[in-house]
């Protein structure tokens, strides 16, 4: 509990702000709440110390970046890593050669992109940030520094999907690819993410995904085995190595699965009301479906399941809040809000109770790189996730 306490405290703070924001109509007071939300989010993640996993590689990579002038004189094809992230890191190193400064800049970019997204699609910004930190936002804000920028660029481009403006959509997502190659998956979404699919078809796909999850049907392993027969021996070797490395049992039937089952059920029960809330809500509905399907179908490989489903977390950040408006009976609405609050705290605890999640803030006194590295090597196998 002690390691999860700072994260739970942050979630409670956002929850309190969300309640106050909902209960006031004063424009000035709402502005203060928004600013308080953004500042506290940036303070928490922008000045974080060495927490979770990926800092062990990002720290060394940052100090290995070349001088800015040397980088610009080199062909972009020779850069090691995604060019956008490499250029950002090199510029930060040229301005102030300190890893924590780099973290702060990345967190600032994330905060601004999130603020723009929630200002456009949510009528309660603190609630949006609460759902963000609950549903994969902590991982995005700590471990996935490259991926987070790519994903947050994508979520700010969805407006161009329903506006049917392909040029700005692809410009933004080509920029996202420059930060993380997984953003390649966003390119084809322009053609189908906005479409209104038959809800019975979607329900059938969701049901089939649950069957695959419950019966442990090895879909991805079968696909990889099939592909391996048509690729070079070296590619086949790495596919098999990754398969063996990542085949760690996936997620079982626990609280996380029950929540996903409930989310899918509520989505189909209120899909017509959700679609009526805003003209572009099919984008977020389809994102939730993609999140659930990718998580359930590829669960045999835990890392793949999490990384792929994380790309579509934006659906959760919007639809979970929209569901509040779908309950016409006040008691049902209060019951759902109570469930939302309890589950947010439980999920954050499940993700943050391990030793490597111990929160440090460099402004309040953080452990050194070597101290955290020792802790990391002692506890890096601790299980996280719910």
Protein backbone atom coordinates (compact mmCIF):
# COMPACT_ATOMS: atom_id res chain seq x y z
CA UNK A 1 0.00 0.00 0.00
CA UNK A 2 2.81 2.41 0.88
CA UNK A 3 4.23 2.50 -2.66
CA UNK A 4 0.81 3.09 -4.24
CA UNK A 5 -0.16 5.85 -1.79
CA UNK A 6 1.17 8.86 -3.80
CA UNK A 7 -0.61 7.63 -6.95
CA UNK A 8 -3.84 7.01 -5.03
CA UNK A 9 -3.53 10.47 -3.49
CA UNK A 10 -3.19 11.97 -6.97
CA UNK A 11 -6.30 10.09 -8.12
CA UNK A 12 -8.30 11.24 -5.08
CA UNK A 13 -7.17 14.82 -5.74
CA UNK A 14 -8.38 14.62 -9.35
CA UNK A 15 -11.63 13.04 -8.14
CA UNK A 16 -12.26 15.89 -5.68
CA UNK A 17 -11.50 18.45 -8.38
CA UNK A 18 -13.90 16.64 -10.73
CA UNK A 19 -16.72 16.85 -8.15
CA UNK A 20 -16.08 20.54 -7.46
CA UNK A 21 -15.85 21.24 -11.19
CA UNK A 22 -19.19 19.50 -11.78
CA UNK A 23 -20.94 21.39 -9.00
CA UNK A 24 -19.85 24.89 -10.02
CA UNK A 25 -21.01 26.92 -13.00
CA UNK A 26 -18.62 29.80 -12.37
CA UNK A 27 -16.35 30.14 -15.41
CA UNK A 28 -13.47 31.69 -13.47
CA UNK A 29 -13.56 29.03 -10.77
CA UNK A 30 -13.61 26.29 -13.39
CA UNK A 31 -10.55 27.87 -15.01
CA UNK A 32 -8.70 27.77 -11.67
CA UNK A 33 -9.62 24.10 -11.26
CA UNK A 34 -8.32 23.31 -14.74
CA UNK A 35 -5.04 25.11 -14.06
CA UNK A 36 -4.69 23.33 -10.70
CA UNK A 37 -5.27 20.00 -12.42
CA UNK A 38 -2.64 20.64 -15.09
CA UNK A 39 -0.05 22.02 -12.67
CA UNK A 40 -0.42 19.11 -10.24
CA UNK A 41 -0.20 16.58 -13.10
CA UNK A 42 2.96 18.21 -14.44
CA UNK A 43 4.45 18.49 -10.95
CA UNK A 44 3.78 14.81 -10.23
CA UNK A 45 5.13 13.37 -13.47
CA UNK A 46 7.43 16.13 -14.72
CA UNK A 47 9.60 16.10 -11.60
CA UNK A 48 9.45 12.36 -10.97
CA UNK A 49 12.55 10.44 -10.08
CA UNK A 50 13.54 6.99 -11.32
CA UNK A 51 10.32 4.99 -11.11
CA UNK A 52 9.11 1.86 -12.88
CA UNK A 53 11.17 0.26 -15.67
CA UNK A 54 12.16 2.20 -18.75
CA UNK A 55 14.29 4.91 -17.15
CA UNK A 56 17.06 2.30 -17.00
CA UNK A 57 17.40 2.55 -20.78
CA UNK A 58 16.24 6.15 -21.35
CA UNK A 59 18.80 7.48 -18.86
CA UNK A 60 21.76 5.90 -20.65
CA UNK A 61 20.34 6.75 -24.07
CA UNK A 62 19.96 10.42 -23.19
CA UNK A 63 23.60 10.82 -22.17
CA UNK A 64 24.68 8.88 -25.25
CA UNK A 65 23.02 11.37 -27.62
CA UNK A 66 25.58 13.21 -29.79
CA UNK A 67 26.05 16.96 -29.93
CA UNK A 68 23.23 18.74 -31.77
CA UNK A 69 25.50 20.08 -34.50
CA UNK A 70 27.00 16.65 -35.05
CA UNK A 71 23.55 15.07 -35.26
CA UNK A 72 22.28 17.59 -37.82
CA UNK A 73 25.31 16.98 -39.99
CA UNK A 74 24.53 13.25 -40.08
CA UNK A 75 22.01 11.65 -42.41
CA UNK A 76 18.72 10.96 -40.65
CA UNK A 77 18.94 7.37 -41.90
CA UNK A 78 21.97 6.87 -39.65
CA UNK A 79 20.26 8.08 -36.48
CA UNK A 80 19.78 5.34 -33.89
CA UNK A 81 16.18 5.40 -32.72
CA UNK A 82 13.04 7.24 -33.79
CA UNK A 83 14.18 10.55 -35.35
CA UNK A 84 11.65 12.79 -33.60
CA UNK A 85 12.55 11.50 -30.16
CA UNK A 86 16.27 11.55 -30.92
CA UNK A 87 16.06 15.17 -32.07
CA UNK A 88 14.01 16.16 -29.02
CA UNK A 89 16.49 14.49 -26.67
CA UNK A 90 19.47 16.04 -28.45
CA UNK A 91 17.97 19.53 -28.31
CA UNK A 92 17.17 19.12 -24.60
CA UNK A 93 20.71 17.91 -23.96
CA UNK A 94 22.10 20.94 -25.83
CA UNK A 95 19.97 23.32 -23.72
CA UNK A 96 20.58 21.66 -20.35
CA UNK A 97 22.42 18.30 -20.22
CA UNK A 98 20.37 16.78 -17.41
CA UNK A 99 18.11 13.75 -17.74
CA UNK A 100 15.48 15.19 -15.41
CA UNK A 101 15.18 18.28 -17.61
CA UNK A 102 14.48 15.97 -20.54
CA UNK A 103 11.79 14.17 -18.50
CA UNK A 104 10.21 17.51 -17.61
CA UNK A 105 10.07 18.61 -21.26
CA UNK A 106 8.49 15.31 -22.33
CA UNK A 107 5.96 15.60 -19.49
CA UNK A 108 5.16 19.18 -20.49
CA UNK A 109 4.44 18.05 -24.06
CA UNK A 110 2.18 15.27 -22.72
CA UNK A 111 0.34 17.67 -20.40
CA UNK A 112 -0.37 20.17 -23.18
CA UNK A 113 -1.54 17.45 -25.58
CA UNK A 114 -3.82 15.95 -22.92
CA UNK A 115 -5.22 19.37 -22.01
CA UNK A 116 -6.07 20.05 -25.65
CA UNK A 117 -7.73 16.65 -26.04
CA UNK A 118 -9.87 16.83 -22.90
CA UNK A 119 -10.85 20.46 -23.52
CA UNK A 120 -12.28 19.34 -26.85
CA UNK A 121 -14.01 16.08 -25.88
CA UNK A 122 -14.69 16.18 -22.14
CA UNK A 123 -16.89 18.59 -20.18
CA UNK A 124 -14.98 17.79 -16.98
CA UNK A 125 -11.19 18.03 -17.41
CA UNK A 126 -10.25 16.72 -13.92
CA UNK A 127 -12.41 13.65 -14.51
CA UNK A 128 -10.61 13.12 -17.80
CA UNK A 129 -7.25 13.22 -16.03
CA UNK A 130 -8.52 10.80 -13.36
CA UNK A 131 -9.53 8.31 -16.05
CA UNK A 132 -6.24 8.89 -17.85
CA UNK A 133 -4.10 7.98 -14.83
CA UNK A 134 -6.40 5.01 -14.11
CA UNK A 135 -6.39 3.53 -17.58
CA UNK A 136 -2.74 3.23 -18.61
CA UNK A 137 -1.85 6.89 -18.08
CA UNK A 138 0.67 6.15 -15.33
CA UNK A 139 2.51 3.72 -17.60
CA UNK A 140 2.38 6.18 -20.50
CA UNK A 141 3.67 8.99 -18.29
CA UNK A 142 6.58 7.03 -16.83
CA UNK A 143 7.72 4.04 -18.89
CA UNK A 144 6.60 4.84 -22.42
CA UNK A 145 8.17 8.24 -23.06
CA UNK A 146 8.35 7.77 -26.83
CA UNK A 147 5.09 5.92 -27.17
CA UNK A 148 3.19 8.41 -25.03
CA UNK A 149 4.00 11.35 -27.30
CA UNK A 150 3.01 9.31 -30.36
CA UNK A 151 -0.30 8.23 -28.79
CA UNK A 152 -1.15 11.72 -27.56
CA UNK A 153 -0.42 13.18 -30.98
CA UNK A 154 -2.79 10.60 -32.44
CA UNK A 155 -5.64 11.36 -30.04
CA UNK A 156 -5.36 15.02 -31.03
CA UNK A 157 -5.72 14.03 -34.68
CA UNK A 158 -9.03 12.17 -34.36
CA UNK A 159 -10.89 15.41 -35.07
CA UNK A 160 -9.54 15.18 -38.62
CA UNK A 161 -11.09 11.72 -39.00
CA UNK A 162 -14.67 12.86 -38.50
CA UNK A 163 -13.97 16.13 -40.33
CA UNK A 164 -12.67 13.98 -43.22
CA UNK A 165 -9.44 15.94 -43.55
CA UNK A 166 -6.79 13.38 -44.51
CA UNK A 167 -3.87 15.80 -45.05
CA UNK A 168 -3.64 17.16 -41.47
CA UNK A 169 -4.44 13.71 -40.09
CA UNK A 170 -1.51 12.09 -41.86
CA UNK A 171 0.82 15.00 -41.11
CA UNK A 172 0.17 14.65 -37.38
CA UNK A 173 0.53 10.87 -37.43
CA UNK A 174 3.69 10.94 -39.53
CA UNK A 175 5.04 13.15 -36.76
CA UNK A 176 3.81 10.53 -34.26
CA UNK A 177 5.70 7.83 -36.19
CA UNK A 178 8.83 9.93 -35.79
CA UNK A 179 8.47 9.41 -32.03
CA UNK A 180 7.43 5.74 -32.05
CA UNK A 181 7.05 3.29 -34.90
CA UNK A 182 3.90 1.76 -33.34
CA UNK A 183 2.07 4.84 -34.65
CA UNK A 184 2.13 3.14 -38.06
CA UNK A 185 -1.00 1.35 -36.83
CA UNK A 186 -2.80 4.70 -36.72
CA UNK A 187 -2.45 5.35 -40.47
CA UNK A 188 -5.22 3.00 -41.70
CA UNK A 189 -7.62 4.10 -38.92
CA UNK A 190 -8.64 7.14 -40.97
CA UNK A 191 -10.73 4.86 -43.18
CA UNK A 192 -12.76 2.94 -40.58
CA UNK A 193 -12.45 4.30 -37.01
CA UNK A 194 -15.29 6.81 -37.53
CA UNK A 195 -17.78 4.38 -39.09
CA UNK A 196 -21.01 3.39 -37.35
CA UNK A 197 -20.95 -0.40 -37.24
CA UNK A 198 -23.93 -2.59 -36.44
CA UNK A 199 -23.97 -3.08 -32.67
CA UNK A 200 -24.84 -6.78 -33.01
CA UNK A 201 -21.78 -7.30 -35.17
CA UNK A 202 -19.63 -5.57 -32.57
CA UNK A 203 -21.22 -7.60 -29.80
CA UNK A 204 -20.50 -10.81 -31.69
CA UNK A 205 -16.84 -9.88 -32.12
CA UNK A 206 -16.59 -8.95 -28.43
CA UNK A 207 -18.20 -12.26 -27.45
CA UNK A 208 -15.79 -14.22 -29.66
CA UNK A 209 -12.83 -12.36 -28.11
CA UNK A 210 -14.04 -13.38 -24.64
CA UNK A 211 -14.27 -17.01 -25.74
CA UNK A 212 -10.68 -16.87 -27.03
CA UNK A 213 -9.58 -15.35 -23.72
CA UNK A 214 -11.41 -17.85 -21.53
CA UNK A 215 -10.38 -20.89 -23.58
CA UNK A 216 -6.78 -19.64 -24.05
CA UNK A 217 -6.95 -20.05 -27.83
CA UNK A 218 -3.40 -19.17 -29.08
CA UNK A 219 -4.29 -16.85 -31.96
CA UNK A 220 -1.09 -14.79 -32.02
CA UNK A 221 1.17 -17.79 -31.57
CA UNK A 222 -0.56 -19.47 -34.52
CA UNK A 223 -0.11 -16.37 -36.68
CA UNK A 224 3.57 -16.06 -35.74
CA UNK A 225 4.16 -19.75 -36.48
CA UNK A 226 2.52 -19.33 -39.90
CA UNK A 227 4.53 -16.20 -40.74
CA UNK A 228 7.76 -17.79 -39.56
CA UNK A 229 7.53 -20.35 -42.37
CA UNK A 230 7.77 -17.60 -44.99
CA UNK A 231 10.53 -15.39 -43.58
CA UNK A 232 14.29 -15.63 -43.42
CA UNK A 233 15.91 -17.86 -40.78
CA UNK A 234 17.17 -14.83 -38.82
CA UNK A 235 13.69 -13.25 -38.63
CA UNK A 236 12.23 -16.63 -37.69
CA UNK A 237 14.81 -16.94 -34.91
CA UNK A 238 13.86 -13.57 -33.39
CA UNK A 239 10.14 -14.31 -33.68
CA UNK A 240 10.64 -17.56 -31.80
CA UNK A 241 12.86 -15.90 -29.20
CA UNK A 242 10.29 -13.17 -28.58
CA UNK A 243 7.55 -15.77 -28.36
CA UNK A 244 9.42 -17.68 -25.67
CA UNK A 245 10.40 -14.50 -23.84
CA UNK A 246 6.89 -13.00 -23.71
CA UNK A 247 4.88 -16.15 -23.15
CA UNK A 248 4.36 -15.57 -19.43
CA UNK A 249 0.77 -16.63 -18.95
CA UNK A 250 -0.99 -13.35 -19.66
CA UNK A 251 -3.76 -12.12 -17.39
CA UNK A 252 -6.13 -14.41 -15.58
CA UNK A 253 -9.80 -14.04 -14.67
CA UNK A 254 -9.59 -11.35 -12.04
CA UNK A 255 -10.88 -7.88 -11.28
CA UNK A 256 -9.37 -6.48 -14.47
CA UNK A 257 -11.16 -8.99 -16.68
CA UNK A 258 -14.48 -8.45 -14.86
CA UNK A 259 -14.14 -4.70 -15.43
CA UNK A 260 -13.51 -5.20 -19.15
CA UNK A 261 -16.50 -7.53 -19.35
CA UNK A 262 -18.65 -4.94 -17.56
CA UNK A 263 -17.34 -2.14 -19.78
CA UNK A 264 -18.19 -4.09 -22.92
CA UNK A 265 -21.64 -4.96 -21.56
CA UNK A 266 -22.47 -1.37 -20.60
CA UNK A 267 -21.16 -0.15 -23.95
CA UNK A 268 -23.59 -2.36 -25.85
CA UNK A 269 -26.49 -1.62 -23.51
CA UNK A 270 -26.13 2.14 -23.97
CA UNK A 271 -24.50 2.34 -27.39
CA UNK A 272 -27.41 4.27 -28.92
CA UNK A 273 -27.36 6.86 -26.12
CA UNK A 274 -23.58 7.15 -26.36
CA UNK A 275 -23.80 7.76 -30.10
CA UNK A 276 -26.35 10.52 -29.51
CA UNK A 277 -24.13 12.43 -27.07
CA UNK A 278 -21.81 13.85 -29.75
CA UNK A 279 -21.55 13.40 -33.53
CA UNK A 280 -18.09 11.85 -33.39
CA UNK A 281 -18.61 9.39 -30.54
CA UNK A 282 -18.31 6.36 -32.81
CA UNK A 283 -14.58 7.04 -32.88
CA UNK A 284 -14.37 6.54 -29.11
CA UNK A 285 -16.83 3.63 -29.10
CA UNK A 286 -14.79 1.84 -31.76
CA UNK A 287 -11.61 2.61 -29.80
CA UNK A 288 -13.04 0.89 -26.71
CA UNK A 289 -13.96 -2.13 -28.84
CA UNK A 290 -10.46 -2.27 -30.31
CA UNK A 291 -8.96 -1.94 -26.82
CA UNK A 292 -11.04 -4.83 -25.48
CA UNK A 293 -10.51 -7.10 -28.49
CA UNK A 294 -6.74 -6.56 -28.65
CA UNK A 295 -6.40 -7.14 -24.92
CA UNK A 296 -8.50 -10.31 -24.90
CA UNK A 297 -7.38 -11.93 -28.16
CA UNK A 298 -3.64 -11.40 -27.65
CA UNK A 299 -3.67 -12.09 -23.92
CA UNK A 300 -1.38 -15.13 -24.39
CA UNK A 301 1.45 -12.57 -24.81
CA UNK A 302 1.10 -10.14 -21.95
CA UNK A 303 3.41 -7.45 -23.32
CA UNK A 304 1.85 -7.53 -26.79
CA UNK A 305 -1.65 -7.46 -25.29
CA UNK A 306 -0.87 -4.43 -23.14
CA UNK A 307 1.11 -2.48 -25.72
CA UNK A 308 -1.44 -2.93 -28.51
CA UNK A 309 -4.50 -2.23 -26.37
CA UNK A 310 -2.82 0.84 -24.84
CA UNK A 311 -2.88 2.47 -28.27
CA UNK A 312 -6.66 2.78 -27.96
CA UNK A 313 -7.01 3.84 -24.32
CA UNK A 314 -8.52 7.14 -25.51
CA UNK A 315 -11.87 5.36 -25.81
CA UNK A 316 -11.87 4.57 -22.10
CA UNK A 317 -10.96 8.15 -21.14
CA UNK A 318 -14.07 9.45 -22.90
CA UNK A 319 -16.66 6.64 -22.82
CA UNK A 320 -16.34 5.89 -19.10
CA UNK A 321 -17.24 9.52 -18.39
CA UNK A 322 -19.99 9.56 -21.02
CA UNK A 323 -21.67 6.52 -19.45
CA UNK A 324 -22.58 8.70 -16.45
CA UNK A 325 -24.97 10.62 -18.70
CA UNK A 326 -26.64 7.44 -19.96
CA UNK A 327 -28.28 6.51 -16.65
CA UNK A 328 -31.66 8.21 -16.46
CA UNK A 329 -32.33 7.01 -12.89
CA UNK A 330 -30.36 9.04 -10.33
CA UNK A 331 -29.62 6.08 -8.04
CA UNK A 332 -28.17 4.11 -10.94
CA UNK A 333 -26.02 7.08 -11.85
CA UNK A 334 -24.74 7.36 -8.28
CA UNK A 335 -24.09 3.61 -8.20
CA UNK A 336 -22.04 3.82 -11.40
CA UNK A 337 -20.07 6.84 -10.15
CA UNK A 338 -19.35 5.00 -6.88
CA UNK A 339 -18.17 1.95 -8.82
CA UNK A 340 -16.01 4.20 -11.00
CA UNK A 341 -14.34 5.80 -7.98
CA UNK A 342 -13.70 2.50 -6.19
CA UNK A 343 -12.40 0.77 -9.29
CA UNK A 344 -10.06 3.67 -10.14
CA UNK A 345 -8.45 3.36 -6.71
CA UNK A 346 -8.23 -0.45 -6.92
CA UNK A 347 -6.72 -0.39 -10.39
CA UNK A 348 -4.15 2.24 -9.44
CA UNK A 349 -3.25 0.22 -6.37
CA UNK A 350 -2.90 -2.92 -8.50
CA UNK A 351 -0.53 -1.15 -10.87
CA UNK A 352 1.49 0.79 -8.30
CA UNK A 353 1.87 -1.37 -5.19
CA UNK A 354 5.24 -2.86 -6.22
CA UNK A 355 8.61 -1.64 -5.01
CA UNK A 356 9.84 -0.27 -8.36
CA UNK A 357 6.82 2.06 -8.40
CA UNK A 358 8.04 3.82 -5.24
CA UNK A 359 7.46 7.48 -6.03
CA UNK A 360 10.32 9.98 -5.94
CA UNK A 361 10.18 13.68 -6.73
CA UNK A 362 13.43 15.49 -7.48
CA UNK A 363 12.14 18.69 -5.87
CA UNK A 364 11.33 16.89 -2.63
CA UNK A 365 14.44 14.71 -2.48
CA UNK A 366 14.83 11.67 -4.70
CA UNK A 367 17.11 8.67 -4.59
CA UNK A 368 20.13 8.74 -6.85
CA UNK A 369 20.42 6.79 -10.09
CA UNK A 370 22.64 4.13 -8.49
CA UNK A 371 20.32 3.70 -5.49
CA UNK A 372 17.29 3.17 -7.72
CA UNK A 373 19.24 0.91 -10.03
CA UNK A 374 20.02 -1.39 -7.11
CA UNK A 375 16.34 -1.44 -6.11
CA UNK A 376 15.36 -2.09 -9.72
CA UNK A 377 17.61 -5.14 -10.06
CA UNK A 378 16.27 -6.53 -6.79
CA UNK A 379 12.57 -6.09 -7.63
CA UNK A 380 12.23 -5.83 -11.42
CA UNK A 381 10.36 -9.17 -11.55
CA UNK A 382 7.55 -7.93 -9.29
CA UNK A 383 4.19 -8.28 -11.00
CA UNK A 384 2.17 -5.20 -11.96
CA UNK A 385 -1.17 -4.81 -13.69
CA UNK A 386 -4.81 -5.51 -13.00
